[in-house]
Amino acid sequence: MSSVLTNKFRIHNAKSFVEGFSEAVPTNIYTAIGKVTPWSATDTYSGAGSSTSESNPPTPLDHVQNENEVWRNMIAAKKIKTNDVVHVIPRVNWEANKIYTMYTDTDETLLVDVINSSTPKPFYVMTDEFNVYKCLANNDTTSGGAVGTTSTVKPTGTGTSIIATADGYKWKFMYQISASDALKFVTPNYIPVDTVRRANGFLANTNDGSPGQNQFDVENTAASAGGGNGAIEVVQLTTRGSGYLGEVGTLAGSPTVSTVTIEGLASGFANSQIVNSDIYFTSGTQSGKGGTITAYNHSTKALTFTPALSGAPTSGDGYAIGPKVVISGDGQGANVRATINVSTGAINAVSIINIGNNYSNASITLVSNATGLSISDASLTPIIGPVGGHGSDATKELGGFYVLTNARLEYGESNNFTTNNDFRKVGIVAQPKFANGDVATSSVIDQATTIVLNSWNGTQFAADELVTGSVSGCTGRVVDFTGNNTLRLTDVIPNGNSTTVGFDGIFGTFISNSTSQDVIAANTTGAGGSGASATANGAGAATGGDLKKFSGDVLYVENRSPVTRANDQIEDVKLIIEF
């Protein structure tokens, strides 16, 4: 039994995650930072090995102990808000002289091989104007759109129509990244992607040329043009063929809505040879229109076609004759014209007259009555657009199964975040609880153990050093020592052999009561070894972190080289999650 989990499933999961932040009862998710001590080979629960160093942090392991490490080493956390999370896609900058993959409806690796392959398939680009375009055609002449020619002309414009550039590429403008979103969500490797029409319907009533309005117009047009589903906006010319009859020229006489006199060479046309071929007009009031040739008189060069036009062309208007393009499939309304090289009879180009709708499969054949001539068949492949049409849902179309969260750590965050130490571990924790058991809702969390001191020997506690309680035997790592009276610790470990009850009701943890107080002293061995010592300031002087340890689900863990903090510094902690 074989099966496939589609990319739509990945996108569905990503959307569910993002939508969870804005639901009536939102999911409370936090970005947590921790790990003040340098990376070393002893950090085995975090995935460390012999090559681990500050510049080479370990790859996190997916097991319970690594999740526990997140909690043990946690310093602080900040709630992720609705406007702090967005879908992202791999960043592909438009560069001249690069080949970009064209969209096709049969490429199963289109979304996943943008960056994750030895032969990437970048089928969209971002320009230096922060405009994002999908590649619909790349001059490819092989099945699959994988070859193509180099792109030499940067796509520009924010309109709703397909953009044809001089290098033969066809692009679809998808959206523009606003300046604020570029600052917040653009990284060297990823760019934000969103869908605005259904989420922000009010944009329909604006016409301000903003990035949101431009994208709304694209989405709305895609959904309404041709019904929005199964349209054929591109035909891939896989093989040009040869030997087809056709010509270009101008009209003479007095054209009607169904008859014209042609002024081209026409010398090679027998009366019956171009019957069932197509004629369409290349200039004048009927430009782009035409029909199928039903009769032709060689001597008078009079030609009849059907269906009749709504208006007659005029003498001097341009025309083109080529083989009739027949589209077969389960949709309706698609109409395509082919122009040929009159000297070789090869197909030069294909023009889309009507994109049609509701195709789920389609094929193309060429009809020619050029009897007695040697024809090498051309091959044309109709490319069926996605449900909703190109540009209707950029998140789905461009593979938005990545999500970026941006936690902005601003200075000391009201003294909840240390500015006197660094951090190396970042995690995402869902639905943690306060120490009292309630679901955490605060915007910032101080997760360090805080001890207010009564007496102190005057020697500064050093960041990262190990301290031990004289009575409890409890140990912890110094996060910071501020005001000469407040000590904050992380990685607090009770002494299981002690029978004394600490500040949090756990036997063997730091003690601060009126009868028996810990003398908290720095170890002479271990990190720092400053020789500092102090006594807690009576009952209630020691408090644990705001959150109950291990109370939430650790969804994501990232090990980093040290990030140094300062009281005049802001960090944007950007995390990328792939669903």
Protein backbone atom coordinates (compact mmCIF):
# COMPACT_ATOMS: atom_id res chain seq x y z
CA MET A 1 0.00 0.00 0.00
CA SER A 2 1.53 3.31 -1.05
CA SER A 3 0.61 6.85 -0.05
CA VAL A 4 1.82 10.45 -0.06
CA LEU A 5 1.51 13.23 2.48
CA THR A 6 1.00 16.28 0.32
CA ASN A 7 2.55 19.72 0.68
CA LYS A 8 -0.96 21.02 1.36
CA PHE A 9 -0.85 19.08 4.63
CA ARG A 10 2.35 20.87 5.59
CA ILE A 11 0.84 24.23 4.70
CA HIS A 12 -2.34 23.36 6.63
CA ASN A 13 -0.28 22.64 9.73
CA ALA A 14 1.69 25.85 9.33
CA LYS A 15 -1.52 27.88 8.93
CA SER A 16 -3.05 26.22 11.99
CA PHE A 17 0.02 27.18 14.01
CA VAL A 18 -0.10 30.80 12.84
CA GLU A 19 -3.87 31.09 13.30
CA GLY A 20 -3.54 29.82 16.87
CA PHE A 21 -2.11 33.18 17.92
CA SER A 22 -5.21 35.12 16.91
CA GLU A 23 -8.02 32.77 17.94
CA ALA A 24 -10.67 33.84 20.47
CA VAL A 25 -8.84 31.71 23.04
CA PRO A 26 -5.29 32.05 21.73
CA THR A 27 -2.49 29.58 22.21
CA ASN A 28 0.07 31.15 24.55
CA ILE A 29 3.49 30.53 23.06
CA TYR A 30 6.79 31.93 24.30
CA THR A 31 10.31 32.35 22.98
CA ALA A 32 12.64 31.29 25.78
CA ILE A 33 16.36 32.01 26.12
CA GLY A 34 18.88 30.26 28.35
CA LYS A 35 22.26 28.57 28.75
CA VAL A 36 24.72 31.12 30.22
CA THR A 37 27.68 28.74 30.39
CA PRO A 38 29.98 28.10 27.41
CA TRP A 39 29.40 25.10 25.17
CA SER A 40 31.56 22.11 25.92
CA ALA A 41 31.73 18.39 25.28
CA THR A 42 29.99 17.79 28.62
CA ASP A 43 26.66 19.21 27.33
CA THR A 44 25.67 15.76 26.16
CA TYR A 45 21.92 16.24 26.75
CA SER A 46 22.07 19.10 24.25
CA GLY A 47 23.77 16.90 21.68
CA ALA A 48 27.39 17.90 22.39
CA GLY A 49 30.38 15.86 21.30
CA SER A 50 34.14 16.14 21.10
CA SER A 51 33.97 18.86 18.40
CA THR A 52 31.57 21.08 20.36
CA SER A 53 32.78 24.61 21.02
CA GLU A 54 31.46 28.15 21.34
CA SER A 55 31.78 28.57 17.57
CA ASN A 56 30.41 25.08 16.87
CA PRO A 57 27.32 24.54 19.04
CA PRO A 58 25.80 21.06 19.03
CA THR A 59 22.79 19.97 17.01
CA PRO A 60 19.92 19.56 19.48
CA LEU A 61 18.63 16.09 20.21
CA ASP A 62 14.92 15.32 20.17
CA HIS A 63 14.45 13.59 23.48
CA VAL A 64 13.01 14.32 26.92
CA GLN A 65 16.31 15.24 28.54
CA ASN A 66 17.01 17.90 25.94
CA GLU A 67 13.60 19.40 26.65
CA ASN A 68 14.45 19.31 30.34
CA GLU A 69 17.68 21.13 29.56
CA VAL A 70 15.64 23.96 28.06
CA TRP A 71 13.84 24.35 31.38
CA ARG A 72 16.91 23.92 33.57
CA ASN A 73 18.88 26.54 31.64
CA MET A 74 16.02 28.98 31.01
CA ILE A 75 16.72 32.60 31.93
CA ALA A 76 13.67 34.38 30.60
CA ALA A 77 10.90 34.17 28.01
CA LYS A 78 8.81 36.54 25.92
CA LYS A 79 5.34 35.92 24.61
CA ILE A 80 4.97 35.68 20.83
CA LYS A 81 2.17 38.01 19.68
CA THR A 82 -0.03 37.76 16.60
CA ASN A 83 2.05 40.30 14.68
CA ASP A 84 5.28 38.49 15.62
CA VAL A 85 4.63 35.38 13.53
CA VAL A 86 4.35 34.97 9.76
CA HIS A 87 4.64 32.36 7.01
CA VAL A 88 7.97 32.49 5.20
CA ILE A 89 9.51 30.92 2.13
CA PRO A 90 13.14 30.42 1.14
CA ARG A 91 14.65 33.63 -0.17
CA VAL A 92 15.52 33.65 -3.89
CA ASN A 93 16.96 36.95 -5.10
CA TRP A 94 16.55 37.76 -8.77
CA GLU A 95 19.97 37.81 -10.40
CA ALA A 96 20.80 38.41 -14.03
CA ASN A 97 22.05 35.48 -16.12
CA LYS A 98 20.45 32.84 -13.93
CA ILE A 99 17.97 30.21 -15.09
CA TYR A 100 14.73 30.10 -13.12
CA THR A 101 12.39 27.13 -13.14
CA MET A 102 8.95 27.68 -14.65
CA TYR A 103 5.84 26.63 -12.81
CA THR A 104 4.23 23.45 -14.12
CA ASP A 105 1.31 21.49 -12.76
CA THR A 106 3.17 18.17 -12.90
CA ASP A 107 6.40 19.00 -11.02
CA GLU A 108 6.23 17.15 -7.71
CA THR A 109 9.45 18.71 -6.39
CA LEU A 110 8.61 22.31 -7.25
CA LEU A 111 8.00 23.44 -3.66
CA VAL A 112 10.52 21.34 -1.81
CA ASP A 113 13.51 21.77 -4.09
CA VAL A 114 13.71 25.56 -3.98
CA ILE A 115 16.74 25.32 -1.69
CA ASN A 116 16.86 21.79 -0.26
CA SER A 117 18.39 20.07 -3.22
CA SER A 118 21.69 19.80 -5.00
CA THR A 119 19.77 20.97 -8.06
CA PRO A 120 17.47 23.68 -6.67
CA LYS A 121 14.39 24.83 -8.55
CA PRO A 122 13.84 28.50 -7.83
CA PHE A 123 10.47 29.15 -9.49
CA TYR A 124 9.97 32.53 -7.87
CA VAL A 125 12.19 35.53 -7.15
CA MET A 126 12.36 38.62 -4.99
CA THR A 127 13.74 41.75 -6.62
CA ASP A 128 15.60 44.61 -4.96
CA GLU A 129 12.27 46.42 -4.76
CA PHE A 130 10.98 43.64 -2.47
CA ASN A 131 8.55 42.53 -5.17
CA VAL A 132 7.96 38.78 -5.43
CA TYR A 133 7.23 37.19 -8.82
CA LYS A 134 6.36 33.65 -9.87
CA CYS A 135 8.05 32.35 -13.02
CA LEU A 136 5.41 31.09 -15.48
CA ALA A 137 7.65 30.62 -18.53
CA ASN A 138 11.41 30.51 -19.01
CA ASN A 139 11.91 29.76 -22.73
CA ASP A 140 12.10 26.10 -21.90
CA THR A 141 11.93 23.71 -24.84
CA THR A 142 12.05 20.50 -22.85
CA SER A 143 9.35 18.85 -20.89
CA GLY A 144 9.23 19.98 -17.29
CA GLY A 145 10.50 23.53 -17.48
CA ALA A 146 13.84 22.57 -15.98
CA VAL A 147 16.13 23.88 -18.70
CA GLY A 148 15.07 27.20 -20.10
CA THR A 149 17.35 30.12 -20.88
CA THR A 150 18.98 32.65 -18.62
CA SER A 151 16.95 35.56 -17.29
CA THR A 152 18.51 38.86 -18.30
CA VAL A 153 15.67 41.32 -17.66
CA LYS A 154 14.47 41.97 -14.12
CA PRO A 155 10.68 41.71 -13.78
CA THR A 156 9.03 44.95 -12.69
CA GLY A 157 5.51 46.15 -12.05
CA THR A 158 2.73 45.36 -9.60
CA GLY A 159 -0.20 44.86 -11.97
CA THR A 160 -2.51 41.89 -12.29
CA SER A 161 -1.54 40.81 -15.83
CA ILE A 162 1.25 38.41 -16.75
CA ILE A 163 4.51 40.29 -17.26
CA ALA A 164 6.42 39.32 -20.41
CA THR A 165 10.04 40.48 -20.46
CA ALA A 166 12.31 40.90 -23.47
CA ASP A 167 14.31 37.77 -22.56
CA GLY A 168 11.27 35.55 -23.21
CA TYR A 169 10.34 35.04 -19.56
CA LYS A 170 6.80 35.42 -18.26
CA TRP A 171 6.28 36.46 -14.65
CA LYS A 172 3.31 36.82 -12.34
CA PHE A 173 3.51 39.55 -9.72
CA MET A 174 2.48 37.95 -6.42
CA TYR A 175 3.02 40.55 -3.70
CA GLN A 176 5.27 43.26 -2.36
CA ILE A 177 6.92 43.10 1.06
CA SER A 178 6.26 46.26 3.02
CA ALA A 179 9.12 48.19 4.58
CA SER A 180 8.02 47.25 8.10
CA ASP A 181 7.72 43.54 7.23
CA ALA A 182 11.09 43.63 5.46
CA LEU A 183 12.72 44.96 8.62
CA LYS A 184 10.97 42.48 10.88
CA PHE A 185 10.78 39.27 8.86
CA VAL A 186 13.27 39.31 5.96
CA THR A 187 16.39 37.31 6.71
CA PRO A 188 19.37 36.32 4.55
CA ASN A 189 17.63 33.00 3.84
CA TYR A 190 13.87 33.63 4.12
CA ILE A 191 11.20 36.17 3.15
CA PRO A 192 7.65 36.57 4.47
CA VAL A 193 4.62 35.42 2.50
CA ASP A 194 0.96 36.00 3.25
CA THR A 195 -2.52 36.01 1.76
CA VAL A 196 -4.51 39.21 2.35
CA ARG A 197 -7.84 38.91 0.53
CA ARG A 198 -9.69 36.60 2.86
CA ALA A 199 -7.98 37.81 6.00
CA ASN A 200 -8.32 41.51 5.27
CA GLY A 201 -11.40 42.05 3.14
CA PHE A 202 -11.47 45.77 3.97
CA LEU A 203 -8.70 46.22 1.46
CA ALA A 204 -11.31 45.85 -1.27
CA ASN A 205 -12.53 49.34 -0.46
CA THR A 206 -9.16 51.02 -0.81
CA ASN A 207 -7.18 52.08 -3.80
CA ASP A 208 -4.03 53.51 -2.31
CA GLY A 209 -1.36 51.59 -4.21
CA SER A 210 -0.04 50.09 -0.98
CA PRO A 211 1.62 46.67 -0.93
CA GLY A 212 -1.51 45.23 0.68
CA GLN A 213 -3.80 46.77 -1.92
CA ASN A 214 -1.62 45.60 -4.81
CA GLN A 215 -1.70 42.05 -3.49
CA PHE A 216 -5.43 42.22 -2.88
CA ASP A 217 -5.96 43.24 -6.52
CA VAL A 218 -3.84 40.31 -7.72
CA GLU A 219 -5.70 37.85 -5.51
CA ASN A 220 -9.10 39.17 -6.44
CA THR A 221 -8.33 39.22 -10.17
CA ALA A 222 -6.92 35.69 -10.08
CA ALA A 223 -10.01 34.39 -8.36
CA SER A 224 -12.39 36.06 -10.78
CA ALA A 225 -10.60 35.67 -14.13
CA GLY A 226 -11.88 32.62 -15.93
CA GLY A 227 -13.56 31.42 -12.78
CA GLY A 228 -10.22 31.20 -11.02
CA ASN A 229 -9.82 27.41 -11.29
CA GLY A 230 -7.95 25.37 -13.84
CA ALA A 231 -7.11 28.20 -16.22
CA ILE A 232 -4.49 27.75 -18.97
CA GLU A 233 -2.37 30.91 -18.90
CA VAL A 234 0.79 29.38 -20.36
CA VAL A 235 1.45 26.83 -23.09
CA GLN A 236 4.89 25.29 -23.12
CA LEU A 237 6.38 24.89 -26.60
CA THR A 238 8.29 21.67 -26.09
CA THR A 239 9.05 20.91 -29.77
CA ARG A 240 8.78 23.53 -32.52
CA GLY A 241 8.30 21.06 -35.38
CA SER A 242 8.57 22.09 -39.05
CA GLY A 243 6.70 22.08 -42.35
CA TYR A 244 3.51 23.81 -41.18
CA LEU A 245 1.91 26.23 -43.63
CA GLY A 246 1.26 29.76 -42.55
CA GLU A 247 2.06 33.37 -43.20
CA VAL A 248 1.82 36.91 -41.93
CA GLY A 249 0.62 39.89 -43.94
CA THR A 250 -2.01 42.64 -44.19
CA LEU A 251 -5.64 42.65 -45.20
CA ALA A 252 -6.91 44.14 -48.50
CA GLY A 253 -10.29 44.96 -49.97
CA SER A 254 -13.31 45.34 -47.77
CA PRO A 255 -13.19 42.89 -44.86
CA THR A 256 -16.38 41.72 -43.16
CA VAL A 257 -17.01 40.00 -39.85
CA SER A 258 -16.37 36.59 -41.47
CA THR A 259 -14.52 37.19 -44.78
CA VAL A 260 -11.24 38.86 -45.60
CA THR A 261 -8.88 39.20 -48.53
CA ILE A 262 -5.24 38.52 -47.64
CA GLU A 263 -2.22 40.27 -49.14
CA GLY A 264 0.52 37.95 -48.07
CA LEU A 265 2.61 35.69 -50.23
CA ALA A 266 -0.09 33.03 -50.34
CA SER A 267 1.56 31.52 -53.34
CA GLY A 268 2.03 28.15 -51.70
CA PHE A 269 -1.55 27.79 -50.61
CA ALA A 270 -3.78 25.49 -52.54
CA ASN A 271 -7.48 26.10 -52.10
CA SER A 272 -7.81 23.40 -49.50
CA GLN A 273 -4.42 23.52 -47.77
CA ILE A 274 -5.20 26.13 -45.15
CA VAL A 275 -8.79 25.12 -44.52
CA ASN A 276 -9.10 24.23 -40.80
CA SER A 277 -6.07 26.39 -40.04
CA ASP A 278 -6.46 29.49 -37.86
CA ILE A 279 -6.37 33.14 -38.81
CA TYR A 280 -6.13 35.89 -36.23
CA PHE A 281 -5.55 39.59 -36.48
CA THR A 282 -2.42 41.20 -35.12
CA SER A 283 -3.41 44.87 -35.31
CA GLY A 284 -6.46 47.08 -35.56
CA THR A 285 -9.75 46.97 -33.69
CA GLN A 286 -9.94 43.16 -33.89
CA SER A 287 -6.38 42.51 -32.72
CA GLY A 288 -6.09 39.18 -30.90
CA LYS A 289 -9.36 37.89 -32.37
CA GLY A 290 -9.87 35.47 -35.22
CA GLY A 291 -11.25 32.09 -36.08
CA THR A 292 -10.95 28.86 -38.00
CA ILE A 293 -10.64 29.03 -41.80
CA THR A 294 -13.56 27.29 -43.53
CA ALA A 295 -12.85 28.24 -47.17
CA TYR A 296 -10.07 29.79 -49.25
CA ASN A 297 -9.89 30.87 -52.93
CA HIS A 298 -6.36 30.86 -54.22
CA SER A 299 -7.10 33.01 -57.23
CA THR A 300 -8.89 35.79 -55.34
CA LYS A 301 -7.15 35.23 -52.02
CA ALA A 302 -10.53 35.51 -50.38
CA LEU A 303 -10.83 33.70 -47.09
CA THR A 304 -13.79 32.80 -44.92
CA PHE A 305 -13.58 32.00 -41.20
CA THR A 306 -15.82 31.13 -38.28
CA PRO A 307 -17.10 32.22 -35.82
CA ALA A 308 -17.97 35.66 -37.07
CA LEU A 309 -16.46 38.62 -35.27
CA SER A 310 -18.49 41.21 -33.42
CA GLY A 311 -16.96 43.86 -35.68
CA ALA A 312 -15.16 43.87 -39.00
CA PRO A 313 -11.41 44.44 -39.33
CA THR A 314 -10.20 47.04 -41.77
CA SER A 315 -7.97 47.00 -44.84
CA GLY A 316 -4.32 47.24 -43.81
CA ASP A 317 -4.78 45.41 -40.50
CA GLY A 318 -2.19 42.72 -39.81
CA TYR A 319 -3.03 39.02 -39.73
CA ALA A 320 -1.31 35.71 -39.09
CA ILE A 321 -2.20 32.23 -40.33
CA GLY A 322 -1.03 29.06 -38.64
CA PRO A 323 -2.17 25.57 -37.74
CA LYS A 324 -5.27 25.36 -35.59
CA VAL A 325 -4.55 24.65 -31.95
CA VAL A 326 -7.10 22.26 -30.44
CA ILE A 327 -7.27 21.97 -26.66
CA SER A 328 -8.88 18.81 -25.33
CA GLY A 329 -9.72 18.36 -21.69
CA ASP A 330 -12.37 18.58 -19.02
CA GLY A 331 -12.48 22.38 -18.84
CA GLN A 332 -13.87 24.99 -21.16
CA GLY A 333 -13.12 28.16 -23.03
CA ALA A 334 -9.35 28.03 -23.49
CA ASN A 335 -8.25 29.39 -26.86
CA VAL A 336 -4.69 29.40 -28.18
CA ARG A 337 -3.05 30.67 -31.39
CA ALA A 338 0.23 29.52 -32.89
CA THR A 339 2.48 31.63 -35.11
CA ILE A 340 5.03 30.03 -37.41
CA ASN A 341 8.30 30.75 -39.11
CA VAL A 342 7.07 31.05 -42.71
CA SER A 343 10.39 29.89 -44.13
CA THR A 344 10.74 26.71 -42.03
CA GLY A 345 7.17 26.06 -40.98
CA ALA A 346 8.27 25.74 -37.34
CA ILE A 347 6.14 27.04 -34.51
CA ASN A 348 7.59 30.36 -33.38
CA ALA A 349 5.37 31.23 -30.48
CA VAL A 350 2.05 30.51 -28.83
CA SER A 351 -0.40 33.22 -27.79
CA ILE A 352 -3.13 32.75 -25.20
CA ILE A 353 -6.37 34.24 -26.48
CA ASN A 354 -8.61 32.98 -23.67
CA ILE A 355 -7.38 31.23 -20.52
CA GLY A 356 -10.59 29.27 -19.99
CA ASN A 357 -11.42 27.62 -16.69
CA ASN A 358 -12.11 24.40 -14.79
CA TYR A 359 -9.43 22.30 -16.47
CA SER A 360 -7.96 19.53 -14.36
CA ASN A 361 -6.30 17.91 -17.36
CA ALA A 362 -5.71 19.05 -20.92
CA SER A 363 -3.76 18.24 -24.05
CA ILE A 364 -3.06 20.06 -27.32
CA THR A 365 -3.04 18.90 -30.93
CA LEU A 366 -2.26 20.89 -34.08
CA VAL A 367 -4.54 20.65 -37.10
CA SER A 368 -3.18 21.30 -40.59
CA ASN A 369 -4.47 20.39 -44.06
CA ALA A 370 -1.06 20.84 -45.63
CA THR A 371 -1.32 17.65 -47.65
CA GLY A 372 1.67 16.59 -49.64
CA LEU A 373 4.10 18.43 -47.40
CA SER A 374 6.52 16.88 -44.98
CA ILE A 375 5.54 17.94 -41.47
CA SER A 376 7.52 17.23 -38.34
CA ASP A 377 5.01 17.47 -35.53
CA ALA A 378 5.37 20.19 -32.93
CA SER A 379 4.63 19.48 -29.29
CA LEU A 380 2.72 21.89 -27.07
CA THR A 381 1.95 21.32 -23.40
CA PRO A 382 -0.79 23.31 -21.67
CA ILE A 383 0.15 24.36 -18.13
CA ILE A 384 -2.85 24.29 -15.83
CA GLY A 385 -2.85 26.91 -13.10
CA PRO A 386 -3.50 26.20 -9.41
CA VAL A 387 -6.91 26.23 -7.80
CA GLY A 388 -7.92 29.86 -7.53
CA GLY A 389 -5.51 30.96 -10.26
CA HIS A 390 -1.96 32.28 -10.17
CA GLY A 391 -1.65 34.83 -7.39
CA SER A 392 -4.83 33.88 -5.53
CA ASP A 393 -3.02 32.43 -2.50
CA ALA A 394 0.69 33.16 -2.37
CA THR A 395 1.13 31.16 0.84
CA LYS A 396 -0.06 27.94 -0.80
CA GLU A 397 1.41 28.59 -4.23
CA LEU A 398 4.93 29.38 -3.06
CA GLY A 399 5.18 26.74 -0.34
CA GLY A 400 4.57 28.65 2.90
CA PHE A 401 5.07 25.64 5.18
CA TYR A 402 7.80 27.55 6.99
CA VAL A 403 6.91 29.87 9.87
CA LEU A 404 9.07 32.63 11.33
CA THR A 405 8.66 33.96 14.85
CA ASN A 406 10.33 37.20 15.83
CA ALA A 407 10.85 37.89 19.52
CA ARG A 408 12.17 41.40 20.05
CA LEU A 409 14.22 41.57 23.25
CA GLU A 410 14.32 45.25 24.17
CA TYR A 411 17.04 46.17 26.66
CA GLY A 412 16.25 44.63 30.07
CA GLU A 413 12.52 44.14 29.46
CA SER A 414 11.64 45.79 32.79
CA ASN A 415 14.53 43.90 34.43
CA ASN A 416 13.10 40.52 33.46
CA PHE A 417 15.91 39.85 30.97
CA THR A 418 19.49 40.06 32.09
CA THR A 419 21.76 42.49 30.26
CA ASN A 420 24.86 41.28 32.11
CA ASN A 421 25.17 37.84 30.56
CA ASP A 422 24.83 36.03 27.25
CA PHE A 423 22.64 33.17 26.10
CA ARG A 424 23.14 30.18 23.82
CA LYS A 425 19.89 28.25 23.75
CA VAL A 426 16.57 29.40 22.27
CA GLY A 427 13.33 27.49 22.53
CA ILE A 428 9.64 27.81 21.77
CA VAL A 429 7.37 26.72 24.61
CA ALA A 430 3.61 26.35 24.25
CA GLN A 431 1.08 26.80 27.05
CA PRO A 432 3.44 26.98 30.03
CA LYS A 433 1.92 27.58 33.46
CA PHE A 434 2.67 30.04 36.20
CA ALA A 435 4.06 28.69 39.43
CA ASN A 436 0.50 28.72 40.85
CA GLY A 437 -0.74 26.43 38.06
CA ASP A 438 -2.55 29.03 35.90
CA VAL A 439 -1.76 29.21 32.17
CA ALA A 440 0.90 31.86 31.63
CA THR A 441 -0.27 35.01 29.87
CA SER A 442 2.32 37.67 30.80
CA SER A 443 4.20 39.29 27.96
CA VAL A 444 7.61 38.82 29.65
CA ILE A 445 8.78 36.11 32.01
CA ASP A 446 11.72 36.09 34.45
CA GLN A 447 12.59 32.43 34.90
CA ALA A 448 15.74 32.88 36.99
CA THR A 449 15.82 32.06 40.69
CA THR A 450 16.16 35.40 42.49
CA ILE A 451 17.73 35.74 45.94
CA VAL A 452 17.74 39.05 47.84
CA LEU A 453 20.85 39.18 50.04
CA ASN A 454 21.16 40.23 53.68
CA SER A 455 24.93 40.18 54.00
CA TRP A 456 27.75 39.90 51.51
CA ASN A 457 31.53 39.58 51.78
CA GLY A 458 32.18 42.33 49.22
CA THR A 459 33.57 40.11 46.46
CA GLN A 460 31.56 40.25 43.23
CA PHE A 461 29.85 37.09 42.09
CA ALA A 462 31.05 36.23 38.58
CA ALA A 463 28.68 35.42 35.73
CA ASP A 464 28.32 31.70 35.02
CA GLU A 465 30.08 30.52 38.20
CA LEU A 466 28.68 27.74 40.32
CA VAL A 467 27.39 28.62 43.80
CA THR A 468 26.34 26.30 46.63
CA GLY A 469 24.11 26.76 49.69
CA SER A 470 25.90 25.95 52.96
CA VAL A 471 22.86 24.41 54.62
CA SER A 472 20.83 23.04 51.73
CA GLY A 473 23.69 21.94 49.51
CA CYS A 474 21.71 23.31 46.58
CA THR A 475 23.69 24.56 43.53
CA GLY A 476 23.01 27.09 40.78
CA ARG A 477 24.71 29.08 38.04
CA VAL A 478 25.03 32.84 38.34
CA VAL A 479 23.03 34.76 35.75
CA ASP A 480 23.85 38.19 37.19
CA PHE A 481 24.58 40.04 40.41
CA THR A 482 23.01 43.48 40.55
CA GLY A 483 22.91 46.30 43.08
CA ASN A 484 25.24 44.35 45.37
CA ASN A 485 22.14 42.78 46.89
CA THR A 486 20.35 40.67 44.24
CA LEU A 487 21.63 37.38 42.91
CA ARG A 488 19.92 35.59 40.01
CA LEU A 489 20.59 31.96 39.28
CA THR A 490 19.72 29.35 36.69
CA ASP A 491 20.17 25.59 36.48
CA VAL A 492 19.23 25.30 40.14
CA ILE A 493 19.75 21.73 41.34
CA PRO A 494 18.55 20.55 44.79
CA ASN A 495 20.74 18.42 47.01
CA GLY A 496 18.80 15.24 47.27
CA ASN A 497 20.59 14.25 50.50
CA SER A 498 19.40 17.30 52.42
CA THR A 499 16.31 17.06 54.60
CA THR A 500 15.81 20.83 54.81
CA VAL A 501 12.94 22.43 52.94
CA GLY A 502 13.86 25.27 50.58
CA PHE A 503 12.07 28.38 49.39
CA ASP A 504 9.91 26.47 46.95
CA GLY A 505 8.95 23.67 49.33
CA ILE A 506 11.41 21.26 47.77
CA PHE A 507 13.83 19.49 50.05
CA GLY A 508 17.43 20.54 49.53
CA THR A 509 16.81 23.82 47.67
CA PHE A 510 18.12 27.23 48.71
CA ILE A 511 16.86 28.20 52.18
CA SER A 512 15.74 31.68 53.23
CA ASN A 513 13.83 31.65 56.50
CA SER A 514 14.20 33.22 59.92
CA THR A 515 15.82 30.28 61.57
CA SER A 516 18.12 28.66 59.05
CA GLN A 517 19.59 30.60 56.16
CA ASP A 518 21.91 29.42 53.40
CA VAL A 519 25.29 31.02 53.05
CA ILE A 520 25.56 31.09 49.30
CA ALA A 521 29.19 30.78 48.31
CA ALA A 522 30.98 30.54 44.99
CA ASN A 523 32.95 27.38 44.47
CA THR A 524 36.67 27.69 44.38
CA THR A 525 36.62 25.32 41.46
CA GLY A 526 34.40 25.58 38.44
CA ALA A 527 33.49 28.59 36.32
CA GLY A 528 34.66 31.85 37.89
CA GLY A 529 35.62 30.74 41.35
CA SER A 530 35.41 34.30 42.62
CA GLY A 531 35.29 33.48 46.34
CA ALA A 532 32.15 35.60 46.81
CA SER A 533 29.66 34.63 49.51
CA ALA A 534 26.39 36.04 50.84
CA THR A 535 23.43 35.24 53.08
CA ALA A 536 19.80 35.37 51.98
CA ASN A 537 17.70 38.15 53.53
CA GLY A 538 15.32 36.17 55.70
CA ALA A 539 12.00 34.57 54.92
CA GLY A 540 10.76 35.07 51.38
CA ALA A 541 14.08 36.39 50.18
CA ALA A 542 14.40 33.64 47.56
CA THR A 543 11.88 33.22 44.74
CA GLY A 544 11.81 30.81 41.89
CA GLY A 545 11.05 31.55 38.23
CA ASP A 546 7.67 32.87 37.13
CA LEU A 547 6.89 29.61 35.34
CA LYS A 548 6.37 26.16 36.75
CA LYS A 549 9.20 24.06 35.40
CA PHE A 550 8.34 21.49 32.73
CA SER A 551 4.76 22.76 32.56
CA GLY A 552 4.62 23.56 28.83
CA ASP A 553 5.41 21.74 25.61
CA VAL A 554 8.82 22.48 24.16
CA LEU A 555 8.07 22.78 20.44
CA TYR A 556 11.41 23.95 19.15
CA VAL A 557 15.03 24.03 20.34
CA GLU A 558 17.93 25.84 18.75
CA ASN A 559 21.53 25.89 19.97
CA ARG A 560 23.54 28.97 19.05
CA SER A 561 26.89 30.58 19.49
CA PRO A 562 26.76 33.03 22.43
CA VAL A 563 24.56 36.10 22.01
CA THR A 564 25.90 38.92 24.17
CA ARG A 565 23.35 41.29 25.73
CA ALA A 566 23.74 44.89 26.91
CA ASN A 567 21.48 47.43 28.60
CA ASP A 568 21.45 49.64 25.46
CA GLN A 569 20.88 46.78 23.02
CA ILE A 570 17.89 45.21 21.26
CA GLU A 571 17.95 41.71 19.78
CA ASP A 572 15.54 40.30 17.24
CA VAL A 573 15.44 36.56 17.86
CA LYS A 574 14.14 35.07 14.63
CA LEU A 575 13.28 31.37 14.58
CA ILE A 576 12.36 29.41 11.45
CA ILE A 577 10.08 26.38 11.85
CA GLU A 578 9.56 24.01 8.93
CA PHE A 579 6.32 22.04 9.00
